[in-house]
């Protein structure tokens, strides 16, 4: 049955208008997954103690790459996770790597958790604010690092593990 039925994952994904394009783009591939497979992989990922197991296991699902896996962790995991898309990094002048790696993801998560804690907001509020900032200011500029200057120590920590 895949994600066509009333699974909690599908219902939650439909409530995310800012990520509707990503969901729609992946939908054809995501449907290739059986409900049992989705349940098993997501159960494993959400219960995993190892950060690498959490993110990379989700990419085993057809149609789920690093960005969609980050959305799943953001929406369903008890720990705060940022969403991996071009808008948030652009808003804080961070370049996006190609391809993604766990080393980058680990630094990315720590970086955005630090910002959320410093600002005293939850990860969803931070994600929405950075998304909106990019939407209003990025216009037709390329999807690369830009935006306002950020604390030098944070930028250095993300760039150099």
N, C-alpha and C. Protein backbone atom coordinates (compact mmCIF):
# COMPACT_ATOMS: atom_id res chain seq x y z
N UNK A 1 0.82 -1.20 0.00
CA UNK A 1 0.00 0.00 0.00
C UNK A 1 0.86 1.25 0.00
N UNK A 2 2.01 1.25 0.59
CA UNK A 2 2.90 2.41 0.58
C UNK A 2 2.32 3.57 1.37
N UNK A 3 2.59 4.79 0.90
CA UNK A 3 2.11 5.98 1.61
C UNK A 3 0.83 6.53 1.01
N UNK A 4 0.10 5.73 0.24
CA UNK A 4 -1.17 6.20 -0.31
C UNK A 4 -2.28 6.16 0.71
N UNK A 5 -2.17 5.28 1.68
CA UNK A 5 -3.21 5.10 2.69
C UNK A 5 -3.13 6.15 3.78
N UNK A 6 -3.83 5.91 4.86
CA UNK A 6 -3.94 6.90 5.94
C UNK A 6 -2.82 6.83 6.96
N UNK A 7 -1.59 6.51 6.54
CA UNK A 7 -0.51 6.38 7.52
C UNK A 7 -0.25 7.71 8.22
N UNK A 8 0.21 7.67 9.47
CA UNK A 8 0.51 8.91 10.19
C UNK A 8 1.58 9.73 9.48
N UNK A 9 2.54 9.06 8.85
CA UNK A 9 3.60 9.78 8.13
C UNK A 9 3.01 10.57 6.97
N UNK A 10 2.11 9.97 6.23
CA UNK A 10 1.48 10.66 5.09
C UNK A 10 0.62 11.83 5.58
N UNK A 11 -0.18 11.61 6.64
CA UNK A 11 -1.03 12.69 7.15
C UNK A 11 -0.17 13.86 7.62
N UNK A 12 0.92 13.57 8.33
CA UNK A 12 1.79 14.64 8.83
C UNK A 12 2.45 15.39 7.68
N UNK A 13 2.89 14.65 6.65
CA UNK A 13 3.54 15.28 5.50
C UNK A 13 2.59 16.22 4.78
N UNK A 14 1.31 15.91 4.75
CA UNK A 14 0.34 16.76 4.08
C UNK A 14 0.13 18.07 4.82
N UNK A 15 0.53 18.14 6.07
CA UNK A 15 0.36 19.35 6.87
C UNK A 15 1.54 20.30 6.74
N UNK A 16 2.45 20.02 5.85
CA UNK A 16 3.68 20.80 5.72
C UNK A 16 3.69 21.56 4.40
N UNK A 17 2.92 22.64 4.28
CA UNK A 17 2.84 23.34 3.00
C UNK A 17 4.18 23.88 2.50
N UNK A 18 5.09 24.25 3.39
CA UNK A 18 6.37 24.79 2.94
C UNK A 18 7.23 23.72 2.27
N UNK A 19 6.91 22.46 2.50
CA UNK A 19 7.70 21.40 1.91
C UNK A 19 6.87 20.56 0.94
N UNK A 20 5.75 21.12 0.49
CA UNK A 20 4.85 20.39 -0.39
C UNK A 20 5.53 20.03 -1.71
N UNK A 21 6.37 20.92 -2.23
CA UNK A 21 7.05 20.64 -3.48
C UNK A 21 7.96 19.42 -3.35
N UNK A 22 8.70 19.35 -2.26
CA UNK A 22 9.58 18.20 -2.03
C UNK A 22 8.76 16.92 -1.92
N UNK A 23 7.66 16.99 -1.17
CA UNK A 23 6.80 15.82 -1.00
C UNK A 23 6.22 15.40 -2.35
N UNK A 24 5.74 16.36 -3.13
CA UNK A 24 5.15 16.05 -4.42
C UNK A 24 6.18 15.46 -5.38
N UNK A 25 7.39 16.00 -5.37
CA UNK A 25 8.44 15.51 -6.24
C UNK A 25 8.80 14.07 -5.91
N UNK A 26 8.80 13.73 -4.65
CA UNK A 26 9.18 12.39 -4.21
C UNK A 26 8.02 11.41 -4.21
N UNK A 27 6.81 11.90 -4.34
CA UNK A 27 5.62 11.06 -4.14
C UNK A 27 5.62 9.80 -4.99
N UNK A 28 5.98 9.92 -6.26
CA UNK A 28 5.97 8.74 -7.13
C UNK A 28 6.92 7.67 -6.65
N UNK A 29 8.08 8.07 -6.20
CA UNK A 29 9.05 7.11 -5.69
C UNK A 29 8.65 6.58 -4.32
N UNK A 30 8.13 7.46 -3.47
CA UNK A 30 7.73 7.06 -2.13
C UNK A 30 6.65 5.99 -2.18
N UNK A 31 5.77 6.06 -3.15
CA UNK A 31 4.69 5.07 -3.27
C UNK A 31 5.20 3.66 -3.54
N UNK A 32 6.46 3.55 -3.96
CA UNK A 32 7.04 2.23 -4.22
C UNK A 32 7.29 1.46 -2.92
N UNK A 33 7.30 2.15 -1.80
CA UNK A 33 7.54 1.53 -0.51
C UNK A 33 6.26 0.92 0.05
N UNK A 34 6.36 -0.30 0.54
CA UNK A 34 5.18 -0.89 1.19
C UNK A 34 5.01 -0.25 2.56
N UNK A 35 3.81 -0.29 3.06
CA UNK A 35 3.52 0.26 4.39
C UNK A 35 4.38 -0.42 5.46
N UNK A 36 4.56 -1.73 5.32
CA UNK A 36 5.37 -2.48 6.29
C UNK A 36 6.82 -2.01 6.25
N UNK A 37 7.35 -1.79 5.06
CA UNK A 37 8.73 -1.33 4.92
C UNK A 37 8.90 0.06 5.51
N UNK A 38 7.97 0.96 5.21
CA UNK A 38 8.02 2.31 5.77
C UNK A 38 7.96 2.24 7.30
N UNK A 39 7.06 1.44 7.82
CA UNK A 39 6.93 1.31 9.28
C UNK A 39 8.21 0.78 9.91
N UNK A 40 8.81 -0.23 9.30
CA UNK A 40 10.02 -0.82 9.86
C UNK A 40 11.20 0.15 9.81
N UNK A 41 11.41 0.80 8.68
CA UNK A 41 12.53 1.74 8.54
C UNK A 41 12.35 2.95 9.45
N UNK A 42 11.14 3.52 9.46
CA UNK A 42 10.94 4.71 10.30
C UNK A 42 11.00 4.35 11.78
N UNK A 43 10.49 3.19 12.15
CA UNK A 43 10.58 2.76 13.55
C UNK A 43 12.04 2.63 13.97
N UNK A 44 12.83 2.02 13.10
CA UNK A 44 14.26 1.88 13.39
C UNK A 44 14.91 3.25 13.52
N UNK A 45 14.68 4.11 12.54
CA UNK A 45 15.32 5.43 12.52
C UNK A 45 14.96 6.26 13.74
N UNK A 46 13.70 6.24 14.13
CA UNK A 46 13.26 7.06 15.25
C UNK A 46 13.68 6.50 16.61
N UNK A 47 14.01 5.21 16.66
CA UNK A 47 14.46 4.59 17.91
C UNK A 47 15.99 4.51 18.00
N UNK A 48 16.67 4.73 16.89
CA UNK A 48 18.13 4.58 16.86
C UNK A 48 18.81 5.57 17.81
N UNK A 49 19.85 5.09 18.45
CA UNK A 49 20.65 5.94 19.34
C UNK A 49 21.76 6.64 18.57
N UNK A 50 22.17 6.06 17.49
CA UNK A 50 23.26 6.58 16.67
C UNK A 50 22.73 7.60 15.65
N UNK A 51 23.29 8.80 15.67
CA UNK A 51 22.84 9.86 14.76
C UNK A 51 22.92 9.42 13.30
N UNK A 52 23.99 8.76 12.94
CA UNK A 52 24.15 8.35 11.55
C UNK A 52 23.06 7.35 11.16
N UNK A 53 22.73 6.44 12.06
CA UNK A 53 21.66 5.47 11.78
C UNK A 53 20.32 6.17 11.58
N UNK A 54 20.08 7.20 12.35
CA UNK A 54 18.80 7.92 12.24
C UNK A 54 18.60 8.49 10.83
N UNK A 55 19.56 9.25 10.35
CA UNK A 55 19.38 9.94 9.07
C UNK A 55 19.57 9.00 7.89
N UNK A 56 20.63 8.20 7.90
CA UNK A 56 20.94 7.40 6.72
C UNK A 56 19.99 6.24 6.52
N UNK A 57 19.43 5.69 7.59
CA UNK A 57 18.48 4.59 7.40
C UNK A 57 17.23 5.06 6.65
N UNK A 58 16.82 6.29 6.86
CA UNK A 58 15.64 6.81 6.17
C UNK A 58 15.86 6.91 4.67
N UNK A 59 17.11 7.08 4.25
CA UNK A 59 17.38 7.19 2.81
C UNK A 59 17.29 5.84 2.11
N UNK A 60 17.09 4.76 2.87
CA UNK A 60 16.85 3.45 2.26
C UNK A 60 15.48 3.41 1.59
N UNK A 61 14.57 4.25 2.05
CA UNK A 61 13.23 4.30 1.46
C UNK A 61 13.31 4.91 0.06
N UNK A 62 12.61 4.31 -0.90
CA UNK A 62 12.55 4.89 -2.23
C UNK A 62 11.96 6.29 -2.16
N UNK A 63 12.58 7.23 -2.83
CA UNK A 63 12.07 8.60 -2.87
C UNK A 63 12.48 9.45 -1.69
N UNK A 64 13.27 8.91 -0.78
CA UNK A 64 13.70 9.67 0.40
C UNK A 64 15.21 9.88 0.35
N UNK A 65 15.59 11.13 0.10
CA UNK A 65 16.99 11.52 0.14
C UNK A 65 17.24 12.25 1.45
N UNK A 66 18.40 12.86 1.55
CA UNK A 66 18.76 13.57 2.78
C UNK A 66 17.75 14.66 3.15
N UNK A 67 17.30 15.49 2.20
CA UNK A 67 16.33 16.52 2.59
C UNK A 67 15.03 15.95 3.16
N UNK A 68 14.45 14.95 2.50
CA UNK A 68 13.20 14.36 2.99
C UNK A 68 13.43 13.64 4.31
N UNK A 69 14.58 12.98 4.45
CA UNK A 69 14.90 12.31 5.72
C UNK A 69 14.97 13.33 6.85
N UNK A 70 15.51 14.52 6.56
CA UNK A 70 15.58 15.56 7.59
C UNK A 70 14.18 16.04 7.98
N UNK A 71 13.27 16.09 7.01
CA UNK A 71 11.89 16.48 7.30
C UNK A 71 11.24 15.45 8.23
N UNK A 72 11.49 14.18 7.97
CA UNK A 72 10.93 13.12 8.81
C UNK A 72 11.46 13.23 10.24
N UNK A 73 12.76 13.43 10.38
CA UNK A 73 13.32 13.58 11.73
C UNK A 73 12.79 14.85 12.40
N UNK A 74 12.70 15.92 11.64
CA UNK A 74 12.18 17.20 12.16
C UNK A 74 10.76 17.02 12.69
N UNK A 75 9.95 16.30 11.94
CA UNK A 75 8.53 16.15 12.29
C UNK A 75 8.26 15.13 13.38
N UNK A 76 9.06 14.06 13.42
CA UNK A 76 8.69 12.94 14.27
C UNK A 76 9.64 12.60 15.40
N UNK A 77 10.88 13.05 15.35
CA UNK A 77 11.83 12.67 16.40
C UNK A 77 11.69 13.60 17.59
N UNK A 78 11.92 13.06 18.79
CA UNK A 78 11.83 13.87 20.01
C UNK A 78 12.93 14.92 20.08
N UNK A 79 14.11 14.63 19.50
CA UNK A 79 15.20 15.60 19.48
C UNK A 79 14.94 16.64 18.38
N UNK A 80 15.42 17.85 18.56
CA UNK A 80 15.21 18.87 17.53
C UNK A 80 16.11 18.65 16.32
N UNK A 81 15.52 18.66 15.14
CA UNK A 81 16.27 18.51 13.89
C UNK A 81 15.90 19.61 12.92
N UNK A 82 16.90 20.20 12.28
CA UNK A 82 16.62 21.20 11.24
C UNK A 82 16.22 20.49 9.95
N UNK A 83 15.61 21.23 9.07
CA UNK A 83 15.26 20.70 7.75
C UNK A 83 16.38 21.09 6.79
N UNK A 84 16.81 20.13 6.02
CA UNK A 84 17.90 20.32 5.07
C UNK A 84 17.34 20.73 3.72
N UNK A 85 17.30 22.03 3.48
CA UNK A 85 16.94 22.52 2.15
C UNK A 85 17.80 23.75 1.89
N UNK A 86 17.66 24.36 0.75
CA UNK A 86 18.55 25.46 0.40
C UNK A 86 18.23 26.75 1.13
N UNK A 87 17.03 26.93 1.63
CA UNK A 87 16.65 28.22 2.20
C UNK A 87 17.32 28.55 3.53
N UNK A 88 17.31 27.62 4.48
CA UNK A 88 17.91 27.90 5.79
C UNK A 88 19.40 28.20 5.69
N UNK A 89 20.18 27.36 5.02
CA UNK A 89 21.61 27.67 4.90
C UNK A 89 21.86 28.99 4.17
N UNK A 90 21.08 29.27 3.14
CA UNK A 90 21.23 30.53 2.42
C UNK A 90 21.03 31.71 3.38
N UNK A 91 20.05 31.60 4.25
CA UNK A 91 19.73 32.69 5.17
C UNK A 91 20.85 33.00 6.15
N UNK A 92 21.72 32.04 6.40
CA UNK A 92 22.83 32.27 7.33
C UNK A 92 24.19 32.12 6.64
N UNK A 93 24.20 32.26 5.33
CA UNK A 93 25.43 32.27 4.52
C UNK A 93 26.22 30.98 4.54
N UNK A 94 25.54 29.86 4.58
CA UNK A 94 26.24 28.58 4.55
C UNK A 94 26.12 27.93 3.18
N UNK A 95 27.24 27.50 2.60
CA UNK A 95 27.16 26.79 1.33
C UNK A 95 26.64 25.37 1.54
N UNK A 96 25.92 24.87 0.56
CA UNK A 96 25.41 23.50 0.62
C UNK A 96 26.36 22.59 -0.14
N UNK A 97 26.72 21.46 0.46
CA UNK A 97 27.63 20.54 -0.23
C UNK A 97 26.90 19.70 -1.27
N UNK A 98 27.62 19.22 -2.21
CA UNK A 98 27.08 18.25 -3.15
C UNK A 98 28.15 17.20 -3.33
N UNK A 99 27.96 16.01 -2.98
CA UNK A 99 26.76 15.44 -2.37
C UNK A 99 26.76 15.64 -0.84
N UNK A 100 25.62 15.32 -0.24
CA UNK A 100 25.52 15.39 1.21
C UNK A 100 26.36 14.28 1.84
N UNK A 101 26.78 14.51 3.06
CA UNK A 101 27.53 13.49 3.80
C UNK A 101 27.10 13.54 5.26
N UNK A 102 27.37 12.47 5.98
CA UNK A 102 27.04 12.47 7.39
C UNK A 102 27.84 13.53 8.14
N UNK A 103 29.10 13.70 7.78
CA UNK A 103 29.94 14.71 8.44
C UNK A 103 29.30 16.10 8.33
N UNK A 104 28.81 16.42 7.13
CA UNK A 104 28.13 17.71 6.96
C UNK A 104 26.86 17.74 7.80
N UNK A 105 26.04 16.70 7.74
CA UNK A 105 24.78 16.64 8.48
C UNK A 105 25.01 16.84 9.98
N UNK A 106 26.02 16.20 10.51
CA UNK A 106 26.32 16.31 11.94
C UNK A 106 26.64 17.76 12.32
N UNK A 107 27.44 18.43 11.50
CA UNK A 107 27.77 19.84 11.76
C UNK A 107 26.55 20.72 11.57
N UNK A 108 25.75 20.43 10.55
CA UNK A 108 24.54 21.20 10.23
C UNK A 108 23.55 21.15 11.41
N UNK A 109 23.33 19.96 11.95
CA UNK A 109 22.42 19.79 13.08
C UNK A 109 22.93 20.57 14.30
N UNK A 110 24.20 20.40 14.62
CA UNK A 110 24.77 21.10 15.78
C UNK A 110 24.69 22.62 15.60
N UNK A 111 24.96 23.09 14.41
CA UNK A 111 24.92 24.52 14.10
C UNK A 111 23.51 25.08 14.34
N UNK A 112 22.50 24.44 13.77
CA UNK A 112 21.14 24.95 13.91
C UNK A 112 20.55 24.73 15.30
N UNK A 113 20.96 23.68 16.00
CA UNK A 113 20.54 23.51 17.39
C UNK A 113 21.12 24.64 18.25
N UNK A 114 22.35 25.01 17.97
CA UNK A 114 22.99 26.10 18.70
C UNK A 114 22.25 27.43 18.46
N UNK A 115 21.89 27.69 17.22
CA UNK A 115 21.15 28.93 16.90
C UNK A 115 19.80 28.92 17.63
N UNK A 116 19.07 27.80 17.56
CA UNK A 116 17.76 27.72 18.21
C UNK A 116 17.88 27.94 19.71
N UNK A 117 18.88 27.32 20.33
CA UNK A 117 19.07 27.47 21.78
C UNK A 117 19.43 28.91 22.13
N UNK A 118 20.32 29.51 21.35
CA UNK A 118 20.73 30.90 21.59
C UNK A 118 19.55 31.86 21.43
N UNK A 119 18.72 31.61 20.43
CA UNK A 119 17.56 32.48 20.16
C UNK A 119 16.39 32.16 21.09
N UNK A 120 16.43 31.02 21.76
CA UNK A 120 15.34 30.64 22.65
C UNK A 120 14.07 30.25 21.92
N UNK A 121 14.23 29.60 20.75
CA UNK A 121 13.07 29.16 19.96
C UNK A 121 13.20 27.68 19.66
N UNK A 122 12.08 27.05 19.30
CA UNK A 122 12.16 25.65 18.92
C UNK A 122 12.60 25.56 17.46
N UNK A 123 12.95 24.35 17.04
CA UNK A 123 13.49 24.15 15.70
C UNK A 123 12.48 24.49 14.62
N UNK A 124 11.21 24.22 14.86
CA UNK A 124 10.18 24.54 13.86
C UNK A 124 10.10 26.05 13.65
N UNK A 125 10.11 26.82 14.73
CA UNK A 125 10.06 28.27 14.61
C UNK A 125 11.29 28.80 13.88
N UNK A 126 12.45 28.25 14.19
CA UNK A 126 13.68 28.67 13.51
C UNK A 126 13.60 28.34 12.03
N UNK A 127 13.18 27.13 11.69
CA UNK A 127 13.06 26.73 10.30
C UNK A 127 12.12 27.65 9.53
N UNK A 128 10.98 27.95 10.12
CA UNK A 128 10.00 28.82 9.45
C UNK A 128 10.55 30.23 9.26
N UNK A 129 11.26 30.74 10.26
CA UNK A 129 11.83 32.09 10.17
C UNK A 129 12.90 32.16 9.08
N UNK A 130 13.78 31.17 9.03
CA UNK A 130 14.83 31.18 8.02
C UNK A 130 14.26 30.96 6.63
N UNK A 131 13.24 30.12 6.53
CA UNK A 131 12.56 29.90 5.25
C UNK A 131 11.95 31.20 4.76
N UNK A 132 11.26 31.91 5.64
CA UNK A 132 10.61 33.17 5.27
C UNK A 132 11.64 34.23 4.89
N UNK A 133 12.73 34.31 5.65
CA UNK A 133 13.79 35.28 5.34
C UNK A 133 14.33 35.03 3.93
N UNK A 134 14.59 33.77 3.62
CA UNK A 134 15.08 33.44 2.28
C UNK A 134 14.04 33.77 1.22
N UNK A 135 12.81 33.44 1.46
CA UNK A 135 11.75 33.71 0.48
C UNK A 135 11.66 35.20 0.17
N UNK A 136 11.79 36.02 1.20
CA UNK A 136 11.67 37.47 1.01
C UNK A 136 12.93 38.12 0.44
N UNK A 137 14.09 37.51 0.64
CA UNK A 137 15.34 38.16 0.28
C UNK A 137 16.15 37.48 -0.80
N UNK A 138 15.92 36.22 -1.05
CA UNK A 138 16.75 35.51 -2.01
C UNK A 138 16.39 35.85 -3.44
N UNK A 139 15.12 36.06 -3.69
CA UNK A 139 14.62 36.38 -5.03
C UNK A 139 15.14 35.39 -6.05
N UNK A 140 15.77 35.88 -7.11
CA UNK A 140 16.25 34.99 -8.17
C UNK A 140 17.74 34.72 -8.08
N UNK A 141 18.30 34.90 -6.91
CA UNK A 141 19.72 34.65 -6.73
C UNK A 141 19.97 33.14 -6.68
N UNK A 142 21.17 32.73 -7.00
CA UNK A 142 21.47 31.29 -6.98
C UNK A 142 21.33 30.70 -5.59
N UNK A 143 21.11 29.40 -5.54
CA UNK A 143 20.95 28.67 -4.27
C UNK A 143 22.31 28.37 -3.67
N UNK A 144 23.02 29.40 -3.29
CA UNK A 144 24.32 29.23 -2.65
C UNK A 144 24.35 30.08 -1.41
N UNK A 145 25.41 29.95 -0.63
CA UNK A 145 25.54 30.74 0.59
C UNK A 145 25.42 32.23 0.30
N UNK A 146 24.67 32.94 1.09
CA UNK A 146 24.46 34.38 0.98
C UNK A 146 23.75 34.80 2.25
N UNK A 147 23.31 36.01 2.29
CA UNK A 147 22.52 36.45 3.42
C UNK A 147 23.34 37.28 4.38
N UNK A 148 22.93 37.28 5.61
CA UNK A 148 23.58 38.12 6.60
C UNK A 148 24.80 37.43 7.18
N UNK A 149 25.70 38.22 7.72
CA UNK A 149 26.87 37.64 8.38
C UNK A 149 26.42 36.93 9.64
N UNK A 150 27.11 35.86 9.97
CA UNK A 150 26.81 35.14 11.20
C UNK A 150 28.05 35.12 12.08
N UNK A 151 27.86 34.70 13.29
CA UNK A 151 28.98 34.68 14.23
C UNK A 151 30.12 33.86 13.65
N UNK A 152 31.31 34.43 13.64
CA UNK A 152 32.47 33.80 13.02
C UNK A 152 32.75 32.41 13.59
N UNK A 153 32.61 32.25 14.88
CA UNK A 153 32.87 30.95 15.49
C UNK A 153 31.93 29.88 15.00
N UNK A 154 30.67 30.20 14.84
CA UNK A 154 29.69 29.23 14.34
C UNK A 154 30.03 28.83 12.92
N UNK A 155 30.33 29.82 12.08
CA UNK A 155 30.64 29.54 10.68
C UNK A 155 31.89 28.66 10.59
N UNK A 156 32.91 28.96 11.35
CA UNK A 156 34.16 28.19 11.33
C UNK A 156 33.90 26.76 11.81
N UNK A 157 33.09 26.60 12.85
CA UNK A 157 32.81 25.27 13.39
C UNK A 157 32.09 24.40 12.36
N UNK A 158 31.18 24.99 11.58
CA UNK A 158 30.46 24.21 10.59
C UNK A 158 31.36 23.87 9.40
N UNK A 159 32.20 24.80 9.00
CA UNK A 159 33.08 24.60 7.86
C UNK A 159 34.21 23.64 8.16
N UNK A 160 34.72 23.65 9.38
CA UNK A 160 35.86 22.81 9.76
C UNK A 160 35.48 21.91 10.92
N UNK A 161 35.26 20.63 10.64
CA UNK A 161 34.83 19.71 11.71
C UNK A 161 35.85 19.58 12.82
